[in-house]
Amino acid sequence: MPKYRVYAQAMGVRQAMETLDIPPGQVTEHEAFVPLRFPARLENFQPHMHIRGKSMAMEAIYPNGRTEMLNYVDKFDFNWHVNYVYADHSAPVLPAGTVIKITAWHDNSAGNRANPDPTQWVGWGQRSYDDMYHAHVNVVYLTDEDYEQIVAERAAATDNDE
């Protein structure tokens, strides 16, 4: 039996449903915040938007206020949803109380070749010509002891590399 379970999460979907609003001809930026109640290891990052999706970032805001960019996809393509899977040694391991910040940019202008109608006001919806945003992230919640052990092992590995 495995020690931990992997939880598939759609980070930001609730906030997107409540706030996504893309005026005609505009490039917009929307943010979602997802708190981690327990120490966690993130396994992947897969941005999800529809045809007006432009780019997406995932950041960690640590309990001490420090921020770290975890992923940034500059040229999102609705026709090619890429799942970025972390290598074991680089998967983010985050303390309890960290907040995951998802930032999504949408392009509802005539400059977006995929946009069927830049004169339309667009909100959240399931259809491809509506839009949405969230990040598919697989999360493993850790015990405090395992979190501390992983952090110590990574610090020792970094010290040995120098």
N, C-alpha and C. Protein backbone atom coordinates (compact mmCIF):
# COMPACT_ATOMS: atom_id res chain seq x y z
N MET A 1 0.85 -1.18 0.00
CA MET A 1 0.00 0.00 0.00
C MET A 1 0.90 1.24 0.00
N PRO A 2 0.61 2.19 -0.88
CA PRO A 2 1.43 3.42 -0.91
C PRO A 2 1.28 4.23 0.37
N LYS A 3 2.35 4.95 0.69
CA LYS A 3 2.34 5.77 1.90
C LYS A 3 1.44 7.00 1.74
N TYR A 4 1.44 7.58 0.54
CA TYR A 4 0.69 8.81 0.30
C TYR A 4 -0.25 8.66 -0.89
N ARG A 5 -1.28 9.46 -0.87
CA ARG A 5 -2.23 9.53 -1.98
C ARG A 5 -1.95 10.79 -2.79
N VAL A 6 -2.12 10.70 -4.09
CA VAL A 6 -1.99 11.85 -4.98
C VAL A 6 -3.40 12.42 -5.20
N TYR A 7 -3.55 13.72 -4.92
CA TYR A 7 -4.83 14.39 -5.11
C TYR A 7 -4.77 15.25 -6.36
N ALA A 8 -5.62 14.96 -7.32
CA ALA A 8 -5.70 15.77 -8.54
C ALA A 8 -6.57 16.98 -8.22
N GLN A 9 -6.00 18.17 -8.43
CA GLN A 9 -6.72 19.40 -8.13
C GLN A 9 -6.79 20.30 -9.35
N ALA A 10 -7.89 21.00 -9.49
CA ALA A 10 -8.05 22.03 -10.51
C ALA A 10 -7.95 23.37 -9.77
N MET A 11 -6.73 23.83 -9.58
CA MET A 11 -6.49 25.03 -8.77
C MET A 11 -6.95 26.29 -9.49
N GLY A 12 -7.84 27.01 -8.85
CA GLY A 12 -8.32 28.28 -9.38
C GLY A 12 -9.68 28.21 -10.03
N VAL A 13 -10.23 27.01 -10.23
CA VAL A 13 -11.49 26.91 -10.97
C VAL A 13 -12.62 27.66 -10.27
N ARG A 14 -12.69 27.57 -8.94
CA ARG A 14 -13.78 28.26 -8.23
C ARG A 14 -13.69 29.77 -8.41
N GLN A 15 -12.47 30.31 -8.26
CA GLN A 15 -12.30 31.75 -8.42
C GLN A 15 -12.59 32.18 -9.86
N ALA A 16 -12.17 31.37 -10.82
CA ALA A 16 -12.44 31.71 -12.22
C ALA A 16 -13.94 31.76 -12.49
N MET A 17 -14.68 30.80 -11.95
CA MET A 17 -16.13 30.78 -12.15
C MET A 17 -16.78 32.05 -11.60
N GLU A 18 -16.22 32.57 -10.51
CA GLU A 18 -16.81 33.74 -9.86
C GLU A 18 -16.37 35.06 -10.48
N THR A 19 -15.18 35.12 -11.09
CA THR A 19 -14.62 36.43 -11.45
C THR A 19 -14.21 36.61 -12.90
N LEU A 20 -14.17 35.54 -13.70
CA LEU A 20 -13.65 35.69 -15.07
C LEU A 20 -14.54 36.61 -15.89
N ASP A 21 -13.96 37.67 -16.37
CA ASP A 21 -14.66 38.70 -17.13
C ASP A 21 -13.67 39.26 -18.13
N ILE A 22 -13.91 39.04 -19.43
CA ILE A 22 -12.96 39.45 -20.47
C ILE A 22 -13.68 40.40 -21.44
N PRO A 23 -13.46 41.71 -21.30
CA PRO A 23 -14.12 42.67 -22.18
C PRO A 23 -13.64 42.54 -23.63
N PRO A 24 -14.45 43.01 -24.57
CA PRO A 24 -14.06 42.97 -25.97
C PRO A 24 -12.74 43.71 -26.21
N GLY A 25 -11.89 43.13 -27.06
CA GLY A 25 -10.67 43.80 -27.48
C GLY A 25 -9.60 43.93 -26.42
N GLN A 26 -9.74 43.26 -25.28
CA GLN A 26 -8.82 43.46 -24.16
C GLN A 26 -7.96 42.23 -23.88
N VAL A 27 -6.79 42.48 -23.29
CA VAL A 27 -5.98 41.45 -22.67
C VAL A 27 -6.19 41.61 -21.17
N THR A 28 -6.59 40.53 -20.51
CA THR A 28 -6.91 40.61 -19.09
C THR A 28 -5.99 39.74 -18.25
N GLU A 29 -5.94 40.03 -16.97
CA GLU A 29 -5.17 39.25 -16.00
C GLU A 29 -6.10 38.93 -14.84
N HIS A 30 -6.17 37.66 -14.49
CA HIS A 30 -6.98 37.20 -13.36
C HIS A 30 -6.12 36.36 -12.44
N GLU A 31 -6.45 36.39 -11.15
CA GLU A 31 -5.67 35.67 -10.15
C GLU A 31 -6.57 34.80 -9.29
N ALA A 32 -6.01 33.67 -8.88
CA ALA A 32 -6.67 32.78 -7.92
C ALA A 32 -5.64 32.41 -6.86
N PHE A 33 -6.11 32.20 -5.65
CA PHE A 33 -5.23 31.88 -4.52
C PHE A 33 -5.74 30.61 -3.85
N VAL A 34 -4.85 29.64 -3.70
CA VAL A 34 -5.21 28.34 -3.14
C VAL A 34 -4.29 28.05 -1.96
N PRO A 35 -4.81 28.08 -0.72
CA PRO A 35 -3.96 27.81 0.44
C PRO A 35 -3.70 26.31 0.62
N LEU A 36 -2.49 25.99 1.05
CA LEU A 36 -2.13 24.61 1.38
C LEU A 36 -2.20 24.47 2.90
N ARG A 37 -3.11 23.69 3.39
CA ARG A 37 -3.28 23.53 4.85
C ARG A 37 -2.24 22.61 5.46
N PHE A 38 -1.59 21.80 4.62
CA PHE A 38 -0.60 20.83 5.08
C PHE A 38 0.65 20.96 4.22
N PRO A 39 1.80 20.47 4.69
CA PRO A 39 2.98 20.43 3.82
C PRO A 39 2.63 19.60 2.58
N ALA A 40 3.21 19.99 1.45
CA ALA A 40 2.81 19.33 0.21
C ALA A 40 3.96 19.28 -0.79
N ARG A 41 3.86 18.30 -1.67
CA ARG A 41 4.77 18.19 -2.82
C ARG A 41 3.88 18.29 -4.06
N LEU A 42 4.24 19.20 -4.97
CA LEU A 42 3.50 19.34 -6.22
C LEU A 42 4.17 18.46 -7.27
N GLU A 43 3.38 17.71 -8.01
CA GLU A 43 3.92 16.75 -8.97
C GLU A 43 3.96 17.26 -10.40
N ASN A 44 3.13 18.25 -10.73
CA ASN A 44 3.03 18.71 -12.12
C ASN A 44 2.32 20.06 -12.18
N PHE A 45 2.31 20.61 -13.37
CA PHE A 45 1.58 21.85 -13.65
C PHE A 45 1.04 21.75 -15.07
N GLN A 46 -0.29 21.82 -15.21
CA GLN A 46 -0.90 21.81 -16.53
C GLN A 46 -1.90 22.94 -16.61
N PRO A 47 -1.52 24.05 -17.27
CA PRO A 47 -2.47 25.16 -17.40
C PRO A 47 -3.64 24.75 -18.28
N HIS A 48 -4.82 25.27 -17.92
CA HIS A 48 -6.02 25.00 -18.73
C HIS A 48 -6.79 26.30 -18.92
N MET A 49 -6.96 26.66 -20.18
CA MET A 49 -7.79 27.80 -20.58
C MET A 49 -8.42 27.42 -21.92
N HIS A 50 -9.20 28.32 -22.47
CA HIS A 50 -9.77 28.05 -23.79
C HIS A 50 -9.09 28.93 -24.83
N ILE A 51 -9.77 29.24 -25.91
CA ILE A 51 -9.10 29.83 -27.09
C ILE A 51 -8.55 31.23 -26.87
N ARG A 52 -9.00 31.92 -25.86
CA ARG A 52 -8.44 33.24 -25.58
C ARG A 52 -7.31 33.19 -24.57
N GLY A 53 -6.99 31.99 -24.07
CA GLY A 53 -5.89 31.83 -23.12
C GLY A 53 -4.58 32.26 -23.74
N LYS A 54 -3.82 33.08 -23.02
CA LYS A 54 -2.56 33.64 -23.52
C LYS A 54 -1.36 33.07 -22.76
N SER A 55 -1.41 33.13 -21.42
CA SER A 55 -0.31 32.62 -20.61
C SER A 55 -0.81 32.38 -19.19
N MET A 56 -0.02 31.58 -18.43
CA MET A 56 -0.39 31.28 -17.06
C MET A 56 0.87 31.09 -16.22
N ALA A 57 0.79 31.56 -14.98
CA ALA A 57 1.88 31.40 -14.02
C ALA A 57 1.35 30.73 -12.77
N MET A 58 2.24 29.98 -12.10
CA MET A 58 1.94 29.41 -10.79
C MET A 58 3.08 29.79 -9.86
N GLU A 59 2.73 30.47 -8.77
CA GLU A 59 3.71 30.93 -7.79
C GLU A 59 3.38 30.37 -6.42
N ALA A 60 4.41 30.27 -5.59
CA ALA A 60 4.22 29.93 -4.18
C ALA A 60 4.43 31.19 -3.35
N ILE A 61 3.49 31.48 -2.47
CA ILE A 61 3.65 32.55 -1.50
C ILE A 61 3.81 31.86 -0.15
N TYR A 62 5.04 31.88 0.35
CA TYR A 62 5.37 31.16 1.59
C TYR A 62 4.79 31.86 2.81
N PRO A 63 4.65 31.15 3.91
CA PRO A 63 4.10 31.76 5.13
C PRO A 63 4.87 33.00 5.59
N ASN A 64 6.16 33.11 5.27
CA ASN A 64 6.95 34.29 5.66
C ASN A 64 6.81 35.44 4.66
N GLY A 65 6.00 35.26 3.60
CA GLY A 65 5.77 36.32 2.63
C GLY A 65 6.64 36.24 1.38
N ARG A 66 7.68 35.42 1.41
CA ARG A 66 8.55 35.25 0.24
C ARG A 66 7.75 34.60 -0.88
N THR A 67 7.99 35.04 -2.12
CA THR A 67 7.32 34.43 -3.26
C THR A 67 8.34 33.74 -4.15
N GLU A 68 7.87 32.70 -4.83
CA GLU A 68 8.73 31.96 -5.74
C GLU A 68 7.91 31.56 -6.97
N MET A 69 8.43 31.87 -8.16
CA MET A 69 7.78 31.43 -9.39
C MET A 69 8.05 29.94 -9.55
N LEU A 70 6.99 29.16 -9.66
CA LEU A 70 7.13 27.72 -9.83
C LEU A 70 7.07 27.34 -11.31
N ASN A 71 6.17 27.97 -12.05
CA ASN A 71 6.02 27.71 -13.49
C ASN A 71 5.47 28.95 -14.17
N TYR A 72 5.87 29.12 -15.42
CA TYR A 72 5.31 30.20 -16.24
C TYR A 72 5.26 29.69 -17.68
N VAL A 73 4.06 29.64 -18.23
CA VAL A 73 3.86 29.25 -19.62
C VAL A 73 3.48 30.51 -20.38
N ASP A 74 4.39 30.97 -21.23
CA ASP A 74 4.23 32.24 -21.92
C ASP A 74 3.30 32.15 -23.13
N LYS A 75 3.36 31.07 -23.86
CA LYS A 75 2.58 30.96 -25.10
C LYS A 75 1.63 29.76 -25.00
N PHE A 76 0.56 29.94 -24.23
CA PHE A 76 -0.43 28.89 -24.09
C PHE A 76 -1.10 28.65 -25.44
N ASP A 77 -1.36 27.38 -25.75
CA ASP A 77 -2.02 27.02 -27.00
C ASP A 77 -3.15 26.05 -26.66
N PHE A 78 -4.39 26.50 -26.88
CA PHE A 78 -5.56 25.69 -26.55
C PHE A 78 -5.53 24.33 -27.26
N ASN A 79 -4.89 24.26 -28.42
CA ASN A 79 -4.83 23.02 -29.18
C ASN A 79 -3.76 22.06 -28.68
N TRP A 80 -2.97 22.50 -27.70
CA TRP A 80 -1.87 21.67 -27.23
C TRP A 80 -1.69 21.89 -25.74
N HIS A 81 -2.46 21.18 -24.92
CA HIS A 81 -2.39 21.32 -23.46
C HIS A 81 -1.24 20.48 -22.93
N VAL A 82 -0.16 21.14 -22.56
CA VAL A 82 1.04 20.45 -22.11
C VAL A 82 0.99 20.26 -20.59
N ASN A 83 1.35 19.06 -20.16
CA ASN A 83 1.45 18.75 -18.73
C ASN A 83 2.94 18.75 -18.38
N TYR A 84 3.35 19.69 -17.55
CA TYR A 84 4.75 19.82 -17.15
C TYR A 84 4.93 19.03 -15.86
N VAL A 85 5.61 17.89 -15.95
CA VAL A 85 5.81 16.99 -14.81
C VAL A 85 7.19 17.26 -14.23
N TYR A 86 7.23 17.47 -12.92
CA TYR A 86 8.49 17.75 -12.24
C TYR A 86 9.31 16.48 -12.07
N ALA A 87 10.62 16.60 -12.19
CA ALA A 87 11.53 15.52 -11.81
C ALA A 87 11.50 15.40 -10.29
N ASP A 88 11.83 14.22 -9.77
CA ASP A 88 11.76 13.99 -8.33
C ASP A 88 12.54 15.04 -7.53
N HIS A 89 13.73 15.38 -7.99
CA HIS A 89 14.59 16.30 -7.24
C HIS A 89 14.16 17.76 -7.35
N SER A 90 13.25 18.07 -8.29
CA SER A 90 12.86 19.47 -8.47
C SER A 90 11.39 19.74 -8.18
N ALA A 91 10.64 18.73 -7.82
CA ALA A 91 9.22 18.94 -7.49
C ALA A 91 9.12 19.88 -6.30
N PRO A 92 8.33 20.94 -6.40
CA PRO A 92 8.21 21.86 -5.26
C PRO A 92 7.69 21.14 -4.01
N VAL A 93 8.39 21.34 -2.91
CA VAL A 93 7.99 20.82 -1.61
C VAL A 93 7.75 22.05 -0.74
N LEU A 94 6.51 22.22 -0.30
CA LEU A 94 6.08 23.48 0.29
C LEU A 94 5.55 23.27 1.70
N PRO A 95 5.83 24.21 2.60
CA PRO A 95 5.33 24.08 3.97
C PRO A 95 3.84 24.38 4.07
N ALA A 96 3.24 23.88 5.13
CA ALA A 96 1.84 24.22 5.42
C ALA A 96 1.73 25.74 5.52
N GLY A 97 0.62 26.27 5.05
CA GLY A 97 0.42 27.71 5.09
C GLY A 97 0.85 28.42 3.83
N THR A 98 1.51 27.71 2.92
CA THR A 98 1.87 28.29 1.62
C THR A 98 0.59 28.52 0.83
N VAL A 99 0.56 29.61 0.06
CA VAL A 99 -0.57 29.89 -0.83
C VAL A 99 -0.08 29.77 -2.26
N ILE A 100 -0.78 28.97 -3.05
CA ILE A 100 -0.47 28.86 -4.48
C ILE A 100 -1.25 29.96 -5.20
N LYS A 101 -0.51 30.78 -5.93
CA LYS A 101 -1.13 31.86 -6.71
C LYS A 101 -1.11 31.48 -8.18
N ILE A 102 -2.28 31.42 -8.77
CA ILE A 102 -2.43 31.15 -10.20
C ILE A 102 -2.78 32.47 -10.87
N THR A 103 -2.00 32.86 -11.88
CA THR A 103 -2.29 34.07 -12.66
C THR A 103 -2.52 33.64 -14.11
N ALA A 104 -3.65 34.08 -14.66
CA ALA A 104 -3.99 33.72 -16.04
C ALA A 104 -4.21 34.99 -16.85
N TRP A 105 -3.65 35.01 -18.05
CA TRP A 105 -3.84 36.11 -18.98
C TRP A 105 -4.64 35.60 -20.17
N HIS A 106 -5.62 36.38 -20.59
CA HIS A 106 -6.45 36.06 -21.75
C HIS A 106 -6.35 37.21 -22.76
N ASP A 107 -6.39 36.85 -24.02
CA ASP A 107 -6.30 37.84 -25.11
C ASP A 107 -7.58 37.79 -25.93
N ASN A 108 -8.44 38.79 -25.72
CA ASN A 108 -9.70 38.89 -26.45
C ASN A 108 -9.61 39.97 -27.53
N SER A 109 -8.41 40.15 -28.08
CA SER A 109 -8.21 41.18 -29.10
C SER A 109 -8.19 40.56 -30.50
N ALA A 110 -8.21 41.42 -31.49
CA ALA A 110 -8.10 40.96 -32.87
C ALA A 110 -6.71 40.39 -33.15
N GLY A 111 -5.73 40.71 -32.31
CA GLY A 111 -4.39 40.18 -32.48
C GLY A 111 -4.26 38.70 -32.14
N ASN A 112 -5.26 38.14 -31.47
CA ASN A 112 -5.27 36.72 -31.15
C ASN A 112 -5.91 35.99 -32.33
N ARG A 113 -5.07 35.31 -33.12
CA ARG A 113 -5.56 34.64 -34.34
C ARG A 113 -6.59 33.56 -34.05
N ALA A 114 -6.60 33.00 -32.85
CA ALA A 114 -7.56 31.95 -32.50
C ALA A 114 -8.91 32.52 -32.07
N ASN A 115 -8.98 33.82 -31.83
CA ASN A 115 -10.19 34.45 -31.31
C ASN A 115 -11.26 34.54 -32.40
N PRO A 116 -12.41 33.89 -32.20
CA PRO A 116 -13.44 33.93 -33.24
C PRO A 116 -14.16 35.27 -33.36
N ASP A 117 -14.18 36.07 -32.27
CA ASP A 117 -14.90 37.34 -32.33
C ASP A 117 -14.43 38.26 -31.20
N PRO A 118 -13.47 39.14 -31.51
CA PRO A 118 -12.94 40.04 -30.47
C PRO A 118 -13.93 41.12 -30.03
N THR A 119 -15.11 41.19 -30.64
CA THR A 119 -16.11 42.18 -30.22
C THR A 119 -17.03 41.64 -29.13
N GLN A 120 -16.88 40.36 -28.78
CA GLN A 120 -17.75 39.73 -27.78
C GLN A 120 -17.18 39.87 -26.38
N TRP A 121 -18.05 40.12 -25.42
CA TRP A 121 -17.69 40.09 -24.01
C TRP A 121 -17.72 38.62 -23.61
N VAL A 122 -16.66 38.13 -22.94
CA VAL A 122 -16.54 36.70 -22.65
C VAL A 122 -16.46 36.48 -21.14
N GLY A 123 -17.18 35.49 -20.67
CA GLY A 123 -17.11 35.09 -19.27
C GLY A 123 -16.79 33.62 -19.15
N TRP A 124 -16.90 33.11 -17.91
CA TRP A 124 -16.58 31.71 -17.66
C TRP A 124 -17.64 30.82 -18.31
N GLY A 125 -17.20 29.74 -18.90
CA GLY A 125 -18.12 28.77 -19.47
C GLY A 125 -17.41 27.52 -19.93
N GLN A 126 -18.18 26.46 -20.09
CA GLN A 126 -17.64 25.16 -20.49
C GLN A 126 -17.31 25.07 -21.98
N ARG A 127 -18.01 25.85 -22.80
CA ARG A 127 -17.82 25.75 -24.25
C ARG A 127 -16.48 26.38 -24.64
N SER A 128 -15.87 25.89 -25.70
CA SER A 128 -14.55 26.38 -26.13
C SER A 128 -14.57 27.86 -26.48
N TYR A 129 -15.69 28.37 -26.96
CA TYR A 129 -15.73 29.80 -27.30
C TYR A 129 -16.10 30.66 -26.10
N ASP A 130 -16.45 30.04 -24.96
CA ASP A 130 -16.45 30.74 -23.67
C ASP A 130 -15.00 30.64 -23.19
N ASP A 131 -14.73 30.94 -21.95
CA ASP A 131 -13.37 30.72 -21.47
C ASP A 131 -13.39 30.32 -20.01
N MET A 132 -12.24 29.99 -19.51
CA MET A 132 -12.04 29.58 -18.13
C MET A 132 -10.55 29.60 -17.86
N TYR A 133 -10.18 29.36 -16.63
CA TYR A 133 -8.78 29.10 -16.31
C TYR A 133 -8.69 28.32 -15.02
N HIS A 134 -7.75 27.44 -14.99
CA HIS A 134 -7.32 26.75 -13.77
C HIS A 134 -6.06 25.98 -14.11
N ALA A 135 -5.39 25.50 -13.11
CA ALA A 135 -4.20 24.69 -13.30
C ALA A 135 -4.48 23.30 -12.74
N HIS A 136 -4.29 22.29 -13.58
CA HIS A 136 -4.35 20.91 -13.09
C HIS A 136 -3.03 20.64 -12.38
N VAL A 137 -3.11 20.35 -11.09
CA VAL A 137 -1.92 20.11 -10.27
C VAL A 137 -2.18 18.87 -9.43
N ASN A 138 -1.28 17.90 -9.50
CA ASN A 138 -1.36 16.74 -8.62
C ASN A 138 -0.57 17.06 -7.36
N VAL A 139 -1.21 16.90 -6.21
CA VAL A 139 -0.63 17.28 -4.93
C VAL A 139 -0.54 16.06 -4.02
N VAL A 140 0.62 15.89 -3.39
CA VAL A 140 0.81 14.88 -2.35
C VAL A 140 0.97 15.64 -1.05
N TYR A 141 0.05 15.44 -0.11
CA TYR A 141 0.15 16.07 1.21
C TYR A 141 1.06 15.21 2.09
N LEU A 142 2.00 15.87 2.77
CA LEU A 142 3.04 15.20 3.54
C LEU A 142 2.80 15.36 5.04
N THR A 143 3.40 14.47 5.82
CA THR A 143 3.45 14.69 7.26
C THR A 143 4.51 15.76 7.50
N ASP A 144 4.45 16.40 8.67
CA ASP A 144 5.47 17.38 9.03
C ASP A 144 6.85 16.73 9.04
N GLU A 145 6.94 15.51 9.52
CA GLU A 145 8.22 14.81 9.60
C GLU A 145 8.80 14.55 8.21
N ASP A 146 7.96 14.08 7.29
CA ASP A 146 8.45 13.81 5.94
C ASP A 146 8.82 15.10 5.22
N TYR A 147 8.07 16.15 5.45
CA TYR A 147 8.42 17.44 4.87
C TYR A 147 9.81 17.87 5.34
N GLU A 148 10.04 17.82 6.65
CA GLU A 148 11.34 18.23 7.20
C GLU A 148 12.47 17.36 6.66
N GLN A 149 12.21 16.07 6.51
CA GLN A 149 13.23 15.16 5.99
C GLN A 149 13.58 15.49 4.53
N ILE A 150 12.59 15.75 3.71
CA ILE A 150 12.83 16.08 2.30
C ILE A 150 13.61 17.39 2.20
N VAL A 151 13.23 18.39 2.98
CA VAL A 151 13.93 19.68 2.97
C VAL A 151 15.39 19.48 3.39
N ALA A 152 15.63 18.69 4.42
CA ALA A 152 17.00 18.43 4.90
C ALA A 152 17.81 17.68 3.85
N GLU A 153 17.20 16.69 3.21
CA GLU A 153 17.91 15.92 2.16
C GLU A 153 18.28 16.81 0.98
N ARG A 154 17.37 17.68 0.60
CA ARG A 154 17.67 18.58 -0.53
C ARG A 154 18.75 19.58 -0.16
N ALA A 155 18.74 20.08 1.08
CA ALA A 155 19.76 21.01 1.52
C ALA A 155 21.13 20.31 1.53
N ALA A 156 21.17 19.05 2.00
CA ALA A 156 22.43 18.31 2.02
C ALA A 156 22.93 18.06 0.61
N ALA A 157 22.04 17.74 -0.32
CA ALA A 157 22.42 17.49 -1.71
C ALA A 157 22.98 18.77 -2.34
N THR A 158 22.37 19.91 -2.02
CA THR A 158 22.87 21.21 -2.53
C THR A 158 24.25 21.51 -1.95
N ASP A 159 24.44 21.25 -0.66
CA ASP A 159 25.74 21.48 -0.03
C ASP A 159 26.82 20.59 -0.66
N ASN A 160 26.46 19.37 -1.02
CA ASN A 160 27.43 18.46 -1.64
C ASN A 160 27.78 18.85 -3.06
N ASP A 161 26.89 19.59 -3.72
CA ASP A 161 27.14 20.02 -5.11
C ASP A 161 28.12 21.17 -5.18
N GLU A 162 28.30 21.88 -4.09
CA GLU A 162 29.13 23.08 -4.11
C GLU A 162 30.59 22.76 -4.00
